[in-house]
C-alpha atoms as a PDB file:
ATOM      1  CA  MET A   1       0.000   0.000   0.000  1.00  0.00           C
ATOM      2  CA  ILE A   2       1.309   3.442  -0.951  1.00  0.00           C
ATOM      3  CA  SER A   3       1.135   6.055   1.815  1.00  0.00           C
ATOM      4  CA  ALA A   4      -0.550   9.429   1.300  1.00  0.00           C
ATOM      5  CA  GLN A   5       2.833  11.142   1.525  1.00  0.00           C
ATOM      6  CA  GLU A   6       4.380   8.962  -1.171  1.00  0.00           C
ATOM      7  CA  ALA A   7       1.306   9.336  -3.386  1.00  0.00           C
ATOM      8  CA  LEU A   8       1.484  13.101  -3.074  1.00  0.00           C
ATOM      9  CA  GLN A   9       5.135  13.049  -4.082  1.00  0.00           C
ATOM     10  CA  ARG A  10       4.332  10.921  -7.127  1.00  0.00           C
ATOM     11  CA  LEU A  11       1.707  13.422  -8.238  1.00  0.00           C
ATOM     12  CA  ARG A  12       4.071  16.353  -7.777  1.00  0.00           C
ATOM     13  CA  GLU A  13       6.829  14.637  -9.751  1.00  0.00           C
ATOM     14  CA  GLY A  14       4.403  13.681 -12.510  1.00  0.00           C
ATOM     15  CA  ASN A  15       3.079  17.226 -12.765  1.00  0.00           C
ATOM     16  CA  LEU A  16       6.618  18.571 -13.074  1.00  0.00           C
ATOM     17  CA  ARG A  17       7.256  16.115 -15.932  1.00  0.00           C
ATOM     18  CA  PHE A  18       4.078  17.338 -17.621  1.00  0.00           C
ATOM     19  CA  VAL A  19       5.059  21.003 -17.256  1.00  0.00           C
ATOM     20  CA  SER A  20       8.622  20.404 -18.470  1.00  0.00           C
ATOM     21  CA  GLU A  21       7.353  18.245 -21.359  1.00  0.00           C
ATOM     22  CA  THR A  22       9.390  15.242 -20.252  1.00  0.00           C
ATOM     23  CA  GLU A  23       6.419  12.915 -19.832  1.00  0.00           C
ATOM     24  CA  SER A  24       6.876   9.188 -19.395  1.00  0.00           C
ATOM     25  CA  SER A  25       6.915   6.915 -22.426  1.00  0.00           C
ATOM     26  CA  GLY A  26       3.949   5.040 -23.818  1.00  0.00           C
ATOM     27  CA  ALA A  27       4.672   2.230 -21.365  1.00  0.00           C
ATOM     28  CA  LEU A  28       2.005   3.745 -19.112  1.00  0.00           C
ATOM     29  CA  THR A  29      -0.691   2.853 -21.651  1.00  0.00           C
ATOM     30  CA  SER A  30       0.969  -0.020 -23.519  1.00  0.00           C
ATOM     31  CA  GLN A  31      -0.507  -3.429 -24.249  1.00  0.00           C
ATOM     32  CA  SER A  32       1.540  -4.939 -21.430  1.00  0.00           C
ATOM     33  CA  ARG A  33       0.182  -2.341 -19.017  1.00  0.00           C
ATOM     34  CA  ARG A  34      -3.380  -2.991 -20.218  1.00  0.00           C
ATOM     35  CA  SER A  35      -2.883  -6.685 -19.596  1.00  0.00           C
ATOM     36  CA  GLU A  36      -1.349  -5.993 -16.184  1.00  0.00           C
ATOM     37  CA  VAL A  37      -4.338  -4.001 -14.910  1.00  0.00           C
ATOM     38  CA  ALA A  38      -7.105  -5.901 -16.702  1.00  0.00           C
ATOM     39  CA  ALA A  39      -7.769  -8.218 -13.776  1.00  0.00           C
ATOM     40  CA  SER A  40      -7.362  -5.729 -10.945  1.00  0.00           C
ATOM     41  CA  GLN A  41      -6.372  -2.179 -10.087  1.00  0.00           C
ATOM     42  CA  GLU A  42      -4.419  -0.464  -7.321  1.00  0.00           C
ATOM     43  CA  PRO A  43      -4.787   3.288  -7.894  1.00  0.00           C
ATOM     44  CA  PHE A  44      -2.440   5.216  -5.613  1.00  0.00           C
ATOM     45  CA  ALA A  45      -4.572   8.379  -5.541  1.00  0.00           C
ATOM     46  CA  ILE A  46      -8.226   9.354  -5.831  1.00  0.00           C
ATOM     47  CA  ILE A  47      -8.828  12.561  -7.771  1.00  0.00           C
ATOM     48  CA  LEU A  48     -12.110  14.445  -7.467  1.00  0.00           C
ATOM     49  CA  GLY A  49     -11.735  16.974 -10.244  1.00  0.00           C
ATOM     50  CA  CYS A  50     -13.657  19.277 -12.531  1.00  0.00           C
ATOM     51  CA  SER A  51     -15.086  18.001 -15.821  1.00  0.00           C
ATOM     52  CA  ASP A  52     -13.331  20.789 -17.743  1.00  0.00           C
ATOM     53  CA  SER A  53     -11.821  19.357 -20.925  1.00  0.00           C
ATOM     54  CA  ARG A  54      -8.528  21.134 -20.234  1.00  0.00           C
ATOM     55  CA  VAL A  55      -7.871  19.345 -16.941  1.00  0.00           C
ATOM     56  CA  PRO A  56      -7.522  15.578 -17.545  1.00  0.00           C
ATOM     57  CA  ALA A  57      -5.946  14.256 -14.348  1.00  0.00           C
ATOM     58  CA  GLU A  58      -3.960  11.396 -15.896  1.00  0.00           C
ATOM     59  CA  ILE A  59      -2.284  13.768 -18.346  1.00  0.00           C
ATOM     60  CA  ILE A  60      -1.462  16.672 -16.023  1.00  0.00           C
ATOM     61  CA  PHE A  61      -0.009  14.237 -13.459  1.00  0.00           C
ATOM     62  CA  ASP A  62       1.685  12.082 -16.137  1.00  0.00           C
ATOM     63  CA  GLN A  63       0.135   8.835 -14.932  1.00  0.00           C
ATOM     64  CA  GLY A  64      -1.031   5.751 -16.766  1.00  0.00           C
ATOM     65  CA  LEU A  65      -3.679   3.072 -16.754  1.00  0.00           C
ATOM     66  CA  GLY A  66      -4.593   1.928 -13.252  1.00  0.00           C
ATOM     67  CA  ASP A  67      -2.712   4.715 -11.442  1.00  0.00           C
ATOM     68  CA  LEU A  68      -5.524   7.130 -10.589  1.00  0.00           C
ATOM     69  CA  PHE A  69      -9.164   6.694  -9.586  1.00  0.00           C
ATOM     70  CA  VAL A  70     -10.723   9.770 -11.169  1.00  0.00           C
ATOM     71  CA  ILE A  71     -14.119  11.287 -10.402  1.00  0.00           C
ATOM     72  CA  ARG A  72     -15.035  14.308 -12.524  1.00  0.00           C
ATOM     73  CA  VAL A  73     -17.955  16.704 -12.131  1.00  0.00           C
ATOM     74  CA  ALA A  74     -18.438  20.350 -13.066  1.00  0.00           C
ATOM     75  CA  GLY A  75     -17.040  22.586 -10.338  1.00  0.00           C
ATOM     76  CA  ASN A  76     -15.478  19.614  -8.469  1.00  0.00           C
ATOM     77  CA  ILE A  77     -18.527  19.693  -6.206  1.00  0.00           C
ATOM     78  CA  VAL A  78     -19.279  17.044  -3.601  1.00  0.00           C
ATOM     79  CA  ALA A  79     -22.676  15.347  -3.810  1.00  0.00           C
ATOM     80  CA  PRO A  80     -23.671  11.904  -2.454  1.00  0.00           C
ATOM     81  CA  SER A  81     -22.526  10.049  -5.566  1.00  0.00           C
ATOM     82  CA  GLN A  82     -19.053  11.626  -5.344  1.00  0.00           C
ATOM     83  CA  VAL A  83     -18.782  10.793  -1.629  1.00  0.00           C
ATOM     84  CA  GLY A  84     -19.807   7.224  -2.372  1.00  0.00           C
ATOM     85  CA  SER A  85     -17.228   6.961  -5.148  1.00  0.00           C
ATOM     86  CA  VAL A  86     -14.453   8.137  -2.807  1.00  0.00           C
ATOM     87  CA  GLU A  87     -15.609   5.718  -0.101  1.00  0.00           C
ATOM     88  CA  PHE A  88     -15.648   2.866  -2.602  1.00  0.00           C
ATOM     89  CA  ALA A  89     -12.128   3.486  -3.906  1.00  0.00           C
ATOM     90  CA  ALA A  90     -10.595   4.172  -0.497  1.00  0.00           C
ATOM     91  CA  GLU A  91     -12.069   1.010   1.008  1.00  0.00           C
ATOM     92  CA  ARG A  92     -11.798  -1.343  -1.963  1.00  0.00           C
ATOM     93  CA  PHE A  93      -8.323  -0.374  -3.196  1.00  0.00           C
ATOM     94  CA  HIS A  94      -6.803   0.918   0.065  1.00  0.00           C
ATOM     95  CA  THR A  95      -5.969   4.206  -1.642  1.00  0.00           C
ATOM     96  CA  ARG A  96      -4.727   6.652   0.963  1.00  0.00           C
ATOM     97  CA  LEU A  97      -4.701  10.002  -0.855  1.00  0.00           C
ATOM     98  CA  VAL A  98      -7.724  11.965  -2.036  1.00  0.00           C
ATOM     99  CA  VAL A  99      -7.156  15.160  -4.039  1.00  0.00           C
ATOM    100  CA  VAL A 100      -9.910  17.691  -4.665  1.00  0.00           C
ATOM    101  CA  LEU A 101      -8.613  19.272  -7.863  1.00  0.00           C
ATOM    102  CA  GLY A 102      -9.990  22.621  -8.988  1.00  0.00           C
ATOM    103  CA  HIS A 103      -8.536  24.886 -11.631  1.00  0.00           C
ATOM    104  CA  SER A 104      -8.118  28.520 -12.594  1.00  0.00           C
ATOM    105  CA  ARG A 105     -10.898  30.272 -14.514  1.00  0.00           C
ATOM    106  CA  CYS A 106     -13.403  27.544 -13.577  1.00  0.00           C
ATOM    107  CA  GLY A 107     -16.596  27.999 -15.579  1.00  0.00           C
ATOM    108  CA  ALA A 108     -18.828  26.534 -12.884  1.00  0.00           C
ATOM    109  CA  ILE A 109     -17.464  29.011 -10.353  1.00  0.00           C
ATOM    110  CA  GLN A 110     -17.918  31.910 -12.734  1.00  0.00           C
ATOM    111  CA  ALA A 111     -21.463  30.763 -13.527  1.00  0.00           C
ATOM    112  CA  THR A 112     -22.252  30.679  -9.806  1.00  0.00           C
ATOM    113  CA  LEU A 113     -20.890  34.173  -9.243  1.00  0.00           C
ATOM    114  CA  GLU A 114     -22.897  35.443 -12.217  1.00  0.00           C
ATOM    115  CA  GLU A 115     -26.026  33.760 -10.884  1.00  0.00           C
ATOM    116  CA  LEU A 116     -25.545  35.358  -7.471  1.00  0.00           C
ATOM    117  CA  GLN A 117     -25.155  38.776  -9.051  1.00  0.00           C
ATOM    118  CA  ARG A 118     -27.731  38.422 -11.832  1.00  0.00           C
ATOM    119  CA  PRO A 119     -30.175  35.561 -11.213  1.00  0.00           C
ATOM    120  CA  THR A 120     -31.257  33.660 -14.327  1.00  0.00           C
ATOM    121  CA  GLU A 121     -34.939  32.818 -14.594  1.00  0.00           C
ATOM    122  CA  ASN A 122     -34.588  30.066 -17.169  1.00  0.00           C
ATOM    123  CA  GLN A 123     -31.668  28.139 -15.689  1.00  0.00           C
ATOM    124  CA  SER A 124     -32.297  24.395 -15.758  1.00  0.00           C
ATOM    125  CA  ARG A 125     -32.962  22.586 -12.501  1.00  0.00           C
ATOM    126  CA  ASN A 126     -29.940  20.345 -13.073  1.00  0.00           C
ATOM    127  CA  LEU A 127     -27.520  23.215 -13.652  1.00  0.00           C
ATOM    128  CA  HIS A 128     -29.020  25.000 -10.672  1.00  0.00           C
ATOM    129  CA  SER A 129     -28.131  22.011  -8.477  1.00  0.00           C
ATOM    130  CA  ILE A 130     -24.441  22.596  -9.284  1.00  0.00           C
ATOM    131  CA  VAL A 131     -24.724  26.329  -8.599  1.00  0.00           C
ATOM    132  CA  ASP A 132     -26.451  25.620  -5.287  1.00  0.00           C
ATOM    133  CA  ARG A 133     -23.567  23.413  -4.141  1.00  0.00           C
ATOM    134  CA  VAL A 134     -20.962  26.025  -5.049  1.00  0.00           C
ATOM    135  CA  ARG A 135     -22.934  28.964  -3.658  1.00  0.00           C
ATOM    136  CA  PRO A 136     -22.234  28.558   0.105  1.00  0.00           C
ATOM    137  CA  SER A 137     -18.463  28.620  -0.353  1.00  0.00           C
ATOM    138  CA  VAL A 138     -18.340  31.729  -2.552  1.00  0.00           C
ATOM    139  CA  GLU A 139     -21.328  33.889  -1.591  1.00  0.00           C
ATOM    140  CA  ALA A 140     -19.564  35.690   1.264  1.00  0.00           C
ATOM    141  CA  LEU A 141     -16.815  36.879  -1.093  1.00  0.00           C
ATOM    142  CA  LEU A 142     -19.300  39.147  -2.846  1.00  0.00           C
ATOM    143  CA  ALA A 143     -19.623  41.154   0.372  1.00  0.00           C
ATOM    144  CA  THR A 144     -15.884  41.958   0.322  1.00  0.00           C
ATOM    145  CA  GLU A 145     -13.755  44.322  -1.760  1.00  0.00           C
ATOM    146  CA  LEU A 146     -13.078  41.416  -4.118  1.00  0.00           C
ATOM    147  CA  ARG A 147     -16.370  42.187  -5.843  1.00  0.00           C
ATOM    148  CA  HIS A 148     -14.609  45.102  -7.537  1.00  0.00           C
ATOM    149  CA  ASP A 149     -11.886  42.876  -9.057  1.00  0.00           C
ATOM    150  CA  HIS A 150     -13.361  40.080 -11.146  1.00  0.00           C
ATOM    151  CA  GLY A 151     -10.086  38.185 -11.645  1.00  0.00           C
ATOM    152  CA  ALA A 152      -9.243  38.196  -7.951  1.00  0.00           C
ATOM    153  CA  LEU A 153     -12.833  37.300  -7.074  1.00  0.00           C
ATOM    154  CA  VAL A 154     -12.791  34.215  -9.313  1.00  0.00           C
ATOM    155  CA  HIS A 155      -9.373  33.147  -7.985  1.00  0.00           C
ATOM    156  CA  HIS A 156     -10.481  33.344  -4.353  1.00  0.00           C
ATOM    157  CA  ALA A 157     -13.818  31.708  -5.180  1.00  0.00           C
ATOM    158  CA  VAL A 158     -12.069  28.761  -6.864  1.00  0.00           C
ATOM    159  CA  ARG A 159      -9.911  28.248  -3.779  1.00  0.00           C
ATOM    160  CA  ALA A 160     -12.861  28.621  -1.400  1.00  0.00           C
ATOM    161  CA  ASN A 161     -14.832  26.019  -3.341  1.00  0.00           C
ATOM    162  CA  ILE A 162     -11.911  23.571  -3.306  1.00  0.00           C
ATOM    163  CA  ARG A 163     -11.542  23.977   0.462  1.00  0.00           C
ATOM    164  CA  ALA A 164     -15.279  23.494   0.965  1.00  0.00           C
ATOM    165  CA  SER A 165     -15.335  20.308  -1.128  1.00  0.00           C
ATOM    166  CA  ALA A 166     -12.294  18.882   0.663  1.00  0.00           C
ATOM    167  CA  ASN A 167     -13.811  19.725   4.041  1.00  0.00           C
ATOM    168  CA  HIS A 168     -17.100  18.113   3.019  1.00  0.00           C
ATOM    169  CA  LEU A 169     -15.262  14.879   2.218  1.00  0.00           C
ATOM    170  CA  ARG A 170     -13.353  14.956   5.511  1.00  0.00           C
ATOM    171  CA  HIS A 171     -16.441  15.503   7.661  1.00  0.00           C
ATOM    172  CA  GLY A 172     -19.438  14.416   5.568  1.00  0.00           C
ATOM    173  CA  SER A 173     -18.857  10.680   5.649  1.00  0.00           C
ATOM    174  CA  GLU A 174     -18.402   8.352   8.603  1.00  0.00           C
ATOM    175  CA  VAL A 175     -16.482   5.956   6.384  1.00  0.00           C
ATOM    176  CA  ILE A 176     -13.996   8.608   5.268  1.00  0.00           C
ATOM    177  CA  GLU A 177     -13.686  10.010   8.799  1.00  0.00           C
ATOM    178  CA  GLN A 178     -12.770   6.566  10.119  1.00  0.00           C
ATOM    179  CA  LEU A 179     -10.227   6.043   7.340  1.00  0.00           C
ATOM    180  CA  ILE A 180      -8.653   9.409   8.167  1.00  0.00           C
ATOM    181  CA  GLN A 181      -8.505   8.691  11.901  1.00  0.00           C
ATOM    182  CA  LYS A 182      -7.385   5.068  11.772  1.00  0.00           C
ATOM    183  CA  GLU A 183      -5.967   4.210   8.344  1.00  0.00           C
ATOM    184  CA  GLY A 184      -3.899   7.225   7.280  1.00  0.00           C
ATOM    185  CA  LEU A 185      -6.237   8.559   4.609  1.00  0.00           C
ATOM    186  CA  VAL A 186      -5.468  12.172   3.699  1.00  0.00           C
ATOM    187  CA  VAL A 187      -7.749  14.590   1.803  1.00  0.00           C
ATOM    188  CA  VAL A 188      -6.002  17.566   0.220  1.00  0.00           C
ATOM    189  CA  GLY A 189      -7.069  20.469  -1.971  1.00  0.00           C
ATOM    190  CA  ALA A 190      -5.191  21.578  -5.084  1.00  0.00           C
ATOM    191  CA  GLU A 191      -5.535  24.040  -7.940  1.00  0.00           C
ATOM    192  CA  TYR A 192      -4.384  23.489 -11.519  1.00  0.00           C
ATOM    193  CA  SER A 193      -3.281  26.542 -13.474  1.00  0.00           C
ATOM    194  CA  LEU A 194      -4.594  26.527 -17.029  1.00  0.00           C
ATOM    195  CA  GLU A 195      -1.911  29.058 -17.862  1.00  0.00           C
ATOM    196  CA  THR A 196       1.209  27.337 -16.490  1.00  0.00           C
ATOM    197  CA  GLY A 197       0.162  23.688 -16.162  1.00  0.00           C
ATOM    198  CA  LEU A 198       1.319  23.604 -12.552  1.00  0.00           C
ATOM    199  CA  VAL A 199      -0.727  22.064  -9.756  1.00  0.00           C
ATOM    200  CA  GLU A 200      -0.478  23.796  -6.379  1.00  0.00           C
ATOM    201  CA  PHE A 201      -1.416  21.710  -3.342  1.00  0.00           C
ATOM    202  CA  PHE A 202      -2.541  24.157  -0.679  1.00  0.00           C
ATOM    203  CA  ASP A 203      -5.168  22.669   1.647  1.00  0.00           C
ATOM    204  CA  GLY A 204      -4.951  19.871   4.210  1.00  0.00           C
ATOM    205  CA  LEU A 205      -1.361  18.878   3.492  1.00  0.00           C
ATOM    206  CA  PRO A 206       0.199  16.437   5.968  1.00  0.00           C
ATOM    207  CA  PRO A 207       3.132  17.743   8.042  1.00  0.00           C
ATOM    208  CA  GLY A 208       6.350  17.928   6.088  1.00  0.00           C
ATOM    209  CA  SER A 209       4.665  17.971   2.686  1.00  0.00           C
END
């Protein structure tokens, strides 16, 4: 079993390879690798990320088949199905690192801020459910001076939403809470920069990370 600390280091090293364009060879997705993971999997990290087409976790962390258990949803929100997916992977595969991965210029965050400032009458019920999950983490920012600086507002809102999702995972599931307390599970928050390709881990890092 790979510890949370080692898993975090693997992700950091993989992201640096991605940024420096020194990615691993095709061995990560080769026929031999497909055969190796066909019968079973041992992902070393669980990634709850945004569905944005520019943020594919396996690519930005330079990982291959069977390395990551990836859950993607607009705005990297946490709803029951996402919690259940994290519980499943952490228990079934003994994965000890969960990363809530947001990204710069997130469309779901911007849509939520726009909705809070200019409510839309015809917004679909399904889209509204995403906005409603983002809303609590970003609404207070509109009462600060950030409302006068759109770029800064979106940046802080992205971070606030990542922290809220990570916190929800840590405290919204008895299964995950027990794994954190007794089995070394760690839930961290990170932001991917669309501009630089770098991932910054900034929330919930274990000591010495």
